[in-house]
PDB file of all heavy atoms in Angstrom:
ATOM      1  N   ALA A   1    -107.977 144.627 -58.500  1.00  0.00           N
ATOM      2  CA  ALA A   1    -108.537 143.401 -57.935  1.00  0.00           C
ATOM      3  C   ALA A   1    -108.506 142.275 -58.961  1.00  0.00           C
ATOM      4  O   ALA A   1    -108.174 141.130 -58.639  1.00  0.00           O
ATOM      5  CB  ALA A   1    -109.964 143.656 -57.455  1.00  0.00           C
ATOM      6  N   ALA A   2    -108.843 142.592 -60.215  1.00  0.00           N
ATOM      7  CA  ALA A   2    -108.814 141.579 -61.272  1.00  0.00           C
ATOM      8  C   ALA A   2    -107.390 141.115 -61.540  1.00  0.00           C
ATOM      9  O   ALA A   2    -107.130 139.917 -61.737  1.00  0.00           O
ATOM     10  CB  ALA A   2    -109.453 142.133 -62.539  1.00  0.00           C
ATOM     11  N   ALA A   3    -106.449 142.039 -61.544  1.00  0.00           N
ATOM     12  CA  ALA A   3    -105.049 141.665 -61.761  1.00  0.00           C
ATOM     13  C   ALA A   3    -104.552 140.752 -60.647  1.00  0.00           C
ATOM     14  O   ALA A   3    -103.805 139.795 -60.902  1.00  0.00           O
ATOM     15  CB  ALA A   3    -104.187 142.918 -61.847  1.00  0.00           C
ATOM     16  N   ALA A   4    -104.957 141.020 -59.416  1.00  0.00           N
ATOM     17  CA  ALA A   4    -104.535 140.185 -58.291  1.00  0.00           C
ATOM     18  C   ALA A   4    -105.044 138.757 -58.440  1.00  0.00           C
ATOM     19  O   ALA A   4    -104.428 137.813 -57.925  1.00  0.00           O
ATOM     20  CB  ALA A   4    -105.025 140.793 -56.983  1.00  0.00           C
ATOM     21  N   ASP A   5    -106.156 138.585 -59.139  1.00  0.00           N
ATOM     22  CA  ASP A   5    -106.701 137.247 -59.376  1.00  0.00           C
ATOM     23  C   ASP A   5    -106.212 136.644 -60.686  1.00  0.00           C
ATOM     24  O   ASP A   5    -106.706 135.598 -61.119  1.00  0.00           O
ATOM     25  CB  ASP A   5    -108.232 137.300 -59.376  1.00  0.00           C
ATOM     26  CG  ASP A   5    -108.812 137.387 -57.975  1.00  0.00           C
ATOM     27  OD1 ASP A   5    -108.152 136.908 -57.032  1.00  0.00           O
ATOM     28  OD2 ASP A   5    -109.919 137.944 -57.820  1.00  0.00           O
ATOM     29  N   GLY A   6    -105.276 137.313 -61.347  1.00  0.00           N
ATOM     30  CA  GLY A   6    -104.656 136.728 -62.529  1.00  0.00           C
ATOM     31  C   GLY A   6    -105.247 137.127 -63.857  1.00  0.00           C
ATOM     32  O   GLY A   6    -104.849 136.584 -64.895  1.00  0.00           O
ATOM     33  N   PHE A   7    -106.170 138.082 -63.880  1.00  0.00           N
ATOM     34  CA  PHE A   7    -106.760 138.509 -65.145  1.00  0.00           C
ATOM     35  C   PHE A   7    -105.855 139.538 -65.819  1.00  0.00           C
ATOM     36  O   PHE A   7    -105.645 140.632 -65.296  1.00  0.00           O
ATOM     37  CB  PHE A   7    -108.138 139.133 -64.925  1.00  0.00           C
ATOM     38  CG  PHE A   7    -109.225 138.148 -64.619  1.00  0.00           C
ATOM     39  CD1 PHE A   7    -109.732 138.015 -63.338  1.00  0.00           C
ATOM     40  CD2 PHE A   7    -109.747 137.355 -65.631  1.00  0.00           C
ATOM     41  CE1 PHE A   7    -110.744 137.117 -63.057  1.00  0.00           C
ATOM     42  CE2 PHE A   7    -110.768 136.436 -65.365  1.00  0.00           C
ATOM     43  CZ  PHE A   7    -111.263 136.324 -64.080  1.00  0.00           C
ATOM     44  N   ASP A   8    -105.352 139.192 -67.006  1.00  0.00           N
ATOM     45  CA  ASP A   8    -104.569 140.158 -67.770  1.00  0.00           C
ATOM     46  C   ASP A   8    -105.377 140.784 -68.896  1.00  0.00           C
ATOM     47  O   ASP A   8    -104.848 141.532 -69.711  1.00  0.00           O
ATOM     48  CB  ASP A   8    -103.294 139.516 -68.325  1.00  0.00           C
ATOM     49  CG  ASP A   8    -103.581 138.346 -69.262  1.00  0.00           C
ATOM     50  OD1 ASP A   8    -104.758 138.074 -69.566  1.00  0.00           O
ATOM     51  OD2 ASP A   8    -102.601 137.691 -69.693  1.00  0.00           O
ATOM     52  N   ALA A   9    -106.667 140.472 -68.945  1.00  0.00           N
ATOM     53  CA  ALA A   9    -107.580 141.087 -69.914  1.00  0.00           C
ATOM     54  C   ALA A   9    -108.878 141.424 -69.201  1.00  0.00           C
ATOM     55  O   ALA A   9    -109.315 140.702 -68.292  1.00  0.00           O
ATOM     56  CB  ALA A   9    -107.845 140.155 -71.090  1.00  0.00           C
ATOM     57  N   VAL A  10    -109.503 142.522 -69.608  1.00  0.00           N
ATOM     58  CA  VAL A  10    -110.763 142.967 -69.012  1.00  0.00           C
ATOM     59  C   VAL A  10    -111.705 143.457 -70.106  1.00  0.00           C
ATOM     60  O   VAL A  10    -111.293 143.732 -71.241  1.00  0.00           O
ATOM     61  CB  VAL A  10    -110.546 144.093 -67.969  1.00  0.00           C
ATOM     62  CG1 VAL A  10    -109.683 143.601 -66.824  1.00  0.00           C
ATOM     63  CG2 VAL A  10    -109.942 145.333 -68.614  1.00  0.00           C
ATOM     64  N   GLU A  11    -112.959 143.554 -69.745  1.00  0.00           N
ATOM     65  CA  GLU A  11    -113.984 144.179 -70.573  1.00  0.00           C
ATOM     66  C   GLU A  11    -114.940 144.888 -69.629  1.00  0.00           C
ATOM     67  O   GLU A  11    -114.922 144.663 -68.422  1.00  0.00           O
ATOM     68  CB  GLU A  11    -114.732 143.132 -71.406  1.00  0.00           C
ATOM     69  CG  GLU A  11    -115.473 142.092 -70.569  1.00  0.00           C
ATOM     70  CD  GLU A  11    -116.233 141.072 -71.399  1.00  0.00           C
ATOM     71  OE1 GLU A  11    -115.735 140.679 -72.480  1.00  0.00           O
ATOM     72  OE2 GLU A  11    -117.335 140.676 -70.963  1.00  0.00           O
ATOM     73  N   PHE A  12    -115.763 145.770 -70.163  1.00  0.00           N
ATOM     74  CA  PHE A  12    -116.788 146.408 -69.340  1.00  0.00           C
ATOM     75  C   PHE A  12    -117.855 146.984 -70.245  1.00  0.00           C
ATOM     76  O   PHE A  12    -117.701 147.042 -71.469  1.00  0.00           O
ATOM     77  CB  PHE A  12    -116.206 147.474 -68.403  1.00  0.00           C
ATOM     78  CG  PHE A  12    -115.087 148.314 -68.974  1.00  0.00           C
ATOM     79  CD1 PHE A  12    -115.324 149.232 -69.980  1.00  0.00           C
ATOM     80  CD2 PHE A  12    -113.794 148.197 -68.484  1.00  0.00           C
ATOM     81  CE1 PHE A  12    -114.302 150.016 -70.489  1.00  0.00           C
ATOM     82  CE2 PHE A  12    -112.760 148.965 -68.989  1.00  0.00           C
ATOM     83  CZ  PHE A  12    -113.009 149.878 -69.997  1.00  0.00           C
ATOM     84  N   LEU A  13    -118.956 147.406 -69.624  1.00  0.00           N
ATOM     85  CA  LEU A  13    -120.096 147.909 -70.391  1.00  0.00           C
ATOM     86  C   LEU A  13    -119.912 149.377 -70.741  1.00  0.00           C
ATOM     87  O   LEU A  13    -119.571 149.719 -71.864  1.00  0.00           O
ATOM     88  CB  LEU A  13    -121.394 147.678 -69.607  1.00  0.00           C
ATOM     89  CG  LEU A  13    -121.710 146.230 -69.233  1.00  0.00           C
ATOM     90  CD1 LEU A  13    -123.050 146.154 -68.504  1.00  0.00           C
ATOM     91  CD2 LEU A  13    -121.703 145.326 -70.447  1.00  0.00           C
ATOM     92  N   PHE A  14    -120.156 150.250 -69.779  1.00  0.00           N
ATOM     93  CA  PHE A  14    -120.224 151.681 -70.066  1.00  0.00           C
ATOM     94  C   PHE A  14    -119.256 152.441 -69.155  1.00  0.00           C
ATOM     95  O   PHE A  14    -119.567 152.691 -67.997  1.00  0.00           O
ATOM     96  CB  PHE A  14    -121.654 152.193 -69.860  1.00  0.00           C
ATOM     97  CG  PHE A  14    -122.698 151.312 -70.502  1.00  0.00           C
ATOM     98  CD1 PHE A  14    -123.604 150.619 -69.722  1.00  0.00           C
ATOM     99  CD2 PHE A  14    -122.745 151.172 -71.878  1.00  0.00           C
ATOM    100  CE1 PHE A  14    -124.569 149.799 -70.306  1.00  0.00           C
ATOM    101  CE2 PHE A  14    -123.690 150.361 -72.475  1.00  0.00           C
ATOM    102  CZ  PHE A  14    -124.607 149.664 -71.692  1.00  0.00           C
ATOM    103  N   PRO A  15    -118.103 152.814 -69.657  1.00  0.00           N
ATOM    104  CA  PRO A  15    -117.084 153.460 -68.821  1.00  0.00           C
ATOM    105  C   PRO A  15    -117.190 154.977 -68.793  1.00  0.00           C
ATOM    106  O   PRO A  15    -116.282 155.648 -68.299  1.00  0.00           O
ATOM    107  CB  PRO A  15    -115.792 153.058 -69.542  1.00  0.00           C
ATOM    108  CG  PRO A  15    -116.181 153.060 -70.992  1.00  0.00           C
ATOM    109  CD  PRO A  15    -117.598 152.533 -71.017  1.00  0.00           C
ATOM    110  N   TYR A  16    -118.291 155.535 -69.278  1.00  0.00           N
ATOM    111  CA  TYR A  16    -118.306 156.948 -69.670  1.00  0.00           C
ATOM    112  C   TYR A  16    -118.423 157.925 -68.509  1.00  0.00           C
ATOM    113  O   TYR A  16    -118.371 159.135 -68.713  1.00  0.00           O
ATOM    114  CB  TYR A  16    -119.405 157.157 -70.713  1.00  0.00           C
ATOM    115  CG  TYR A  16    -119.217 156.196 -71.874  1.00  0.00           C
ATOM    116  CD1 TYR A  16    -120.063 155.107 -72.056  1.00  0.00           C
ATOM    117  CD2 TYR A  16    -118.141 156.348 -72.743  1.00  0.00           C
ATOM    118  CE1 TYR A  16    -119.857 154.205 -73.096  1.00  0.00           C
ATOM    119  CE2 TYR A  16    -117.925 155.457 -73.787  1.00  0.00           C
ATOM    120  CZ  TYR A  16    -118.784 154.391 -73.953  1.00  0.00           C
ATOM    121  OH  TYR A  16    -118.561 153.493 -74.980  1.00  0.00           O
ATOM    122  N   GLU A  17    -118.566 157.405 -67.294  1.00  0.00           N
ATOM    123  CA  GLU A  17    -118.523 158.287 -66.128  1.00  0.00           C
ATOM    124  C   GLU A  17    -117.090 158.663 -65.762  1.00  0.00           C
ATOM    125  O   GLU A  17    -116.880 159.541 -64.919  1.00  0.00           O
ATOM    126  CB  GLU A  17    -119.193 157.622 -64.927  1.00  0.00           C
ATOM    127  CG  GLU A  17    -120.702 157.423 -65.088  1.00  0.00           C
ATOM    128  CD  GLU A  17    -121.325 156.802 -63.857  1.00  0.00           C
ATOM    129  OE1 GLU A  17    -120.571 156.511 -62.895  1.00  0.00           O
ATOM    130  OE2 GLU A  17    -122.542 156.592 -63.851  1.00  0.00           O
ATOM    131  N   HIS A  18    -116.135 157.997 -66.376  1.00  0.00           N
ATOM    132  CA  HIS A  18    -114.726 158.214 -66.053  1.00  0.00           C
ATOM    133  C   HIS A  18    -113.978 158.668 -67.299  1.00  0.00           C
ATOM    134  O   HIS A  18    -114.223 158.156 -68.398  1.00  0.00           O
ATOM    135  CB  HIS A  18    -114.101 156.928 -65.516  1.00  0.00           C
ATOM    136  CG  HIS A  18    -114.813 156.352 -64.333  1.00  0.00           C
ATOM    137  ND1 HIS A  18    -114.588 156.791 -63.048  1.00  0.00           N
ATOM    138  CD2 HIS A  18    -115.774 155.395 -64.255  1.00  0.00           C
ATOM    139  CE1 HIS A  18    -115.364 156.113 -62.227  1.00  0.00           C
ATOM    140  NE2 HIS A  18    -116.095 155.264 -62.921  1.00  0.00           N
ATOM    141  N   PRO A  19    -113.052 159.618 -67.170  1.00  0.00           N
ATOM    142  CA  PRO A  19    -112.270 160.035 -68.332  1.00  0.00           C
ATOM    143  C   PRO A  19    -111.412 158.884 -68.834  1.00  0.00           C
ATOM    144  O   PRO A  19    -110.913 158.078 -68.026  1.00  0.00           O
ATOM    145  CB  PRO A  19    -111.419 161.192 -67.807  1.00  0.00           C
ATOM    146  CG  PRO A  19    -111.381 161.004 -66.330  1.00  0.00           C
ATOM    147  CD  PRO A  19    -112.677 160.345 -65.950  1.00  0.00           C
ATOM    148  N   PRO A  20    -111.227 158.769 -70.139  1.00  0.00           N
ATOM    149  CA  PRO A  20    -110.438 157.649 -70.660  1.00  0.00           C
ATOM    150  C   PRO A  20    -109.011 157.631 -70.116  1.00  0.00           C
ATOM    151  O   PRO A  20    -108.421 156.553 -69.958  1.00  0.00           O
ATOM    152  CB  PRO A  20    -110.469 157.861 -72.179  1.00  0.00           C
ATOM    153  CG  PRO A  20    -110.866 159.287 -72.372  1.00  0.00           C
ATOM    154  CD  PRO A  20    -111.734 159.626 -71.210  1.00  0.00           C
ATOM    155  N   GLU A  21    -108.462 158.790 -69.805  1.00  0.00           N
ATOM    156  CA  GLU A  21    -107.098 158.837 -69.284  1.00  0.00           C
ATOM    157  C   GLU A  21    -106.981 158.093 -67.953  1.00  0.00           C
ATOM    158  O   GLU A  21    -105.974 157.417 -67.685  1.00  0.00           O
ATOM    159  CB  GLU A  21    -106.647 160.292 -69.111  1.00  0.00           C
ATOM    160  CG  GLU A  21    -106.559 161.088 -70.402  1.00  0.00           C
ATOM    161  CD  GLU A  21    -107.918 161.609 -70.863  1.00  0.00           C
ATOM    162  OE1 GLU A  21    -108.912 161.483 -70.098  1.00  0.00           O
ATOM    163  OE2 GLU A  21    -107.977 162.143 -71.990  1.00  0.00           O
ATOM    164  N   ALA A  22    -108.001 158.211 -67.103  1.00  0.00           N
ATOM    165  CA  ALA A  22    -107.968 157.537 -65.805  1.00  0.00           C
ATOM    166  C   ALA A  22    -108.031 156.024 -65.973  1.00  0.00           C
ATOM    167  O   ALA A  22    -107.355 155.264 -65.258  1.00  0.00           O
ATOM    168  CB  ALA A  22    -109.125 158.026 -64.935  1.00  0.00           C
ATOM    169  N   ILE A  23    -108.852 155.561 -66.933  1.00  0.00           N
ATOM    170  CA  ILE A  23    -108.956 154.122 -67.177  1.00  0.00           C
ATOM    171  C   ILE A  23    -107.673 153.599 -67.818  1.00  0.00           C
ATOM    172  O   ILE A  23    -107.165 152.532 -67.449  1.00  0.00           O
ATOM    173  CB  ILE A  23    -110.173 153.829 -68.067  1.00  0.00           C
ATOM    174  CG1 ILE A  23    -111.461 154.317 -67.378  1.00  0.00           C
ATOM    175  CG2 ILE A  23    -110.271 152.342 -68.378  1.00  0.00           C
ATOM    176  CD1 ILE A  23    -112.689 154.243 -68.251  1.00  0.00           C
ATOM    177  N   ALA A  24    -107.137 154.349 -68.766  1.00  0.00           N
ATOM    178  CA  ALA A  24    -105.896 153.927 -69.423  1.00  0.00           C
ATOM    179  C   ALA A  24    -104.762 153.778 -68.418  1.00  0.00           C
ATOM    180  O   ALA A  24    -103.931 152.864 -68.530  1.00  0.00           O
ATOM    181  CB  ALA A  24    -105.521 154.931 -70.519  1.00  0.00           C
ATOM    182  N   GLU A  25    -104.733 154.656 -67.430  1.00  0.00           N
ATOM    183  CA  GLU A  25    -103.686 154.568 -66.404  1.00  0.00           C
ATOM    184  C   GLU A  25    -103.811 153.274 -65.630  1.00  0.00           C
ATOM    185  O   GLU A  25    -102.789 152.623 -65.314  1.00  0.00           O
ATOM    186  CB  GLU A  25    -103.778 155.775 -65.474  1.00  0.00           C
ATOM    187  CG  GLU A  25    -102.605 155.924 -64.513  1.00  0.00           C
ATOM    188  CD  GLU A  25    -102.715 155.026 -63.293  1.00  0.00           C
ATOM    189  OE1 GLU A  25    -103.850 154.783 -62.838  1.00  0.00           O
ATOM    190  OE2 GLU A  25    -101.664 154.550 -62.812  1.00  0.00           O
ATOM    191  N   ARG A  26    -105.035 152.847 -65.313  1.00  0.00           N
ATOM    192  CA  ARG A  26    -105.226 151.588 -64.591  1.00  0.00           C
ATOM    193  C   ARG A  26    -104.803 150.394 -65.451  1.00  0.00           C
ATOM    194  O   ARG A  26    -104.170 149.455 -64.961  1.00  0.00           O
ATOM    195  CB  ARG A  26    -106.691 151.422 -64.167  1.00  0.00           C
ATOM    196  CG  ARG A  26    -107.237 152.483 -63.220  1.00  0.00           C
ATOM    197  CD  ARG A  26    -106.421 152.603 -61.948  1.00  0.00           C
ATOM    198  NE  ARG A  26    -107.109 153.322 -60.905  1.00  0.00           N
ATOM    199  CZ  ARG A  26    -107.218 154.658 -60.824  1.00  0.00           C
ATOM    200  NH1 ARG A  26    -106.704 155.426 -61.763  1.00  0.00           N
ATOM    201  NH2 ARG A  26    -107.859 155.220 -59.807  1.00  0.00           N
ATOM    202  N   LEU A  27    -105.149 150.430 -66.730  1.00  0.00           N
ATOM    203  CA  LEU A  27    -104.753 149.339 -67.615  1.00  0.00           C
ATOM    204  C   LEU A  27    -103.226 149.221 -67.692  1.00  0.00           C
ATOM    205  O   LEU A  27    -102.668 148.123 -67.609  1.00  0.00           O
ATOM    206  CB  LEU A  27    -105.335 149.564 -69.017  1.00  0.00           C
ATOM    207  CG  LEU A  27    -106.849 149.423 -69.160  1.00  0.00           C
ATOM    208  CD1 LEU A  27    -107.311 149.965 -70.510  1.00  0.00           C
ATOM    209  CD2 LEU A  27    -107.271 147.963 -69.010  1.00  0.00           C
ATOM    210  N   ARG A  28    -102.564 150.355 -67.833  1.00  0.00           N
ATOM    211  CA  ARG A  28    -101.100 150.340 -67.903  1.00  0.00           C
ATOM    212  C   ARG A  28    -100.487 149.853 -66.595  1.00  0.00           C
ATOM    213  O   ARG A  28     -99.556 149.038 -66.584  1.00  0.00           O
ATOM    214  CB  ARG A  28    -100.566 151.742 -68.227  1.00  0.00           C
ATOM    215  CG  ARG A  28    -100.743 152.170 -69.675  1.00  0.00           C
ATOM    216  CD  ARG A  28     -99.932 153.414 -69.965  1.00  0.00           C
ATOM    217  NE  ARG A  28    -100.335 154.550 -69.130  1.00  0.00           N
ATOM    218  CZ  ARG A  28    -101.280 155.417 -69.452  1.00  0.00           C
ATOM    219  NH1 ARG A  28    -101.930 155.287 -70.615  1.00  0.00           N
ATOM    220  NH2 ARG A  28    -101.587 156.430 -68.658  1.00  0.00           N
ATOM    221  N   ALA A  29    -101.027 150.343 -65.484  1.00  0.00           N
ATOM    222  CA  ALA A  29    -100.448 150.009 -64.184  1.00  0.00           C
ATOM    223  C   ALA A  29    -100.498 148.512 -63.896  1.00  0.00           C
ATOM    224  O   ALA A  29     -99.613 147.971 -63.216  1.00  0.00           O
ATOM    225  CB  ALA A  29    -101.173 150.781 -63.079  1.00  0.00           C
ATOM    226  N   HIS A  30    -101.514 147.835 -64.429  1.00  0.00           N
ATOM    227  CA  HIS A  30    -101.699 146.422 -64.103  1.00  0.00           C
ATOM    228  C   HIS A  30    -101.434 145.506 -65.293  1.00  0.00           C
ATOM    229  O   HIS A  30    -101.708 144.292 -65.211  1.00  0.00           O
ATOM    230  CB  HIS A  30    -103.110 146.210 -63.550  1.00  0.00           C
ATOM    231  CG  HIS A  30    -103.379 147.032 -62.325  1.00  0.00           C
ATOM    232  ND1 HIS A  30    -102.750 146.798 -61.117  1.00  0.00           N
ATOM    233  CD2 HIS A  30    -104.170 148.125 -62.126  1.00  0.00           C
ATOM    234  CE1 HIS A  30    -103.150 147.690 -60.226  1.00  0.00           C
ATOM    235  NE2 HIS A  30    -104.010 148.511 -60.813  1.00  0.00           N
ATOM    236  N   GLY A  31    -100.890 146.063 -66.376  1.00  0.00           N
ATOM    237  CA  GLY A  31    -100.520 145.248 -67.522  1.00  0.00           C
ATOM    238  C   GLY A  31    -101.684 144.529 -68.158  1.00  0.00           C
ATOM    239  O   GLY A  31    -101.549 143.385 -68.623  1.00  0.00           O
ATOM    240  N   GLN A  32    -102.843 145.201 -68.209  1.00  0.00           N
ATOM    241  CA  GLN A  32    -104.047 144.556 -68.721  1.00  0.00           C
ATOM    242  C   GLN A  32    -104.429 145.091 -70.096  1.00  0.00           C
ATOM    243  O   GLN A  32    -104.177 146.249 -70.436  1.00  0.00           O
ATOM    244  CB  GLN A  32    -105.213 144.777 -67.755  1.00  0.00           C
ATOM    245  CG  GLN A  32    -105.048 144.014 -66.444  1.00  0.00           C
ATOM    246  CD  GLN A  32    -105.989 144.515 -65.375  1.00  0.00           C
ATOM    247  OE1 GLN A  32    -106.249 145.722 -65.259  1.00  0.00           O
ATOM    248  NE2 GLN A  32    -106.496 143.612 -64.551  1.00  0.00           N
ATOM    249  N   LYS A  33    -105.084 144.222 -70.859  1.00  0.00           N
ATOM    250  CA  LYS A  33    -105.598 144.583 -72.174  1.00  0.00           C
ATOM    251  C   LYS A  33    -107.112 144.697 -72.094  1.00  0.00           C
ATOM    252  O   LYS A  33    -107.785 143.834 -71.507  1.00  0.00           O
ATOM    253  CB  LYS A  33    -105.220 143.503 -73.194  1.00  0.00           C
ATOM    254  CG  LYS A  33    -105.818 143.719 -74.590  1.00  0.00           C
ATOM    255  CD  LYS A  33    -105.387 142.618 -75.540  1.00  0.00           C
ATOM    256  CE  LYS A  33    -106.059 142.783 -76.900  1.00  0.00           C
ATOM    257  NZ  LYS A  33    -105.765 144.077 -77.539  1.00  0.00           N
TER     258      LYS A  33
END
């Protein structure tokens, strides 16, 4: 959703409910830092 609105960078508070591999896949898929 953020990529669709033009965000190529993201931040967040506490991602620890999700394995880092799942988050890394989303970052790669949408070209985000």
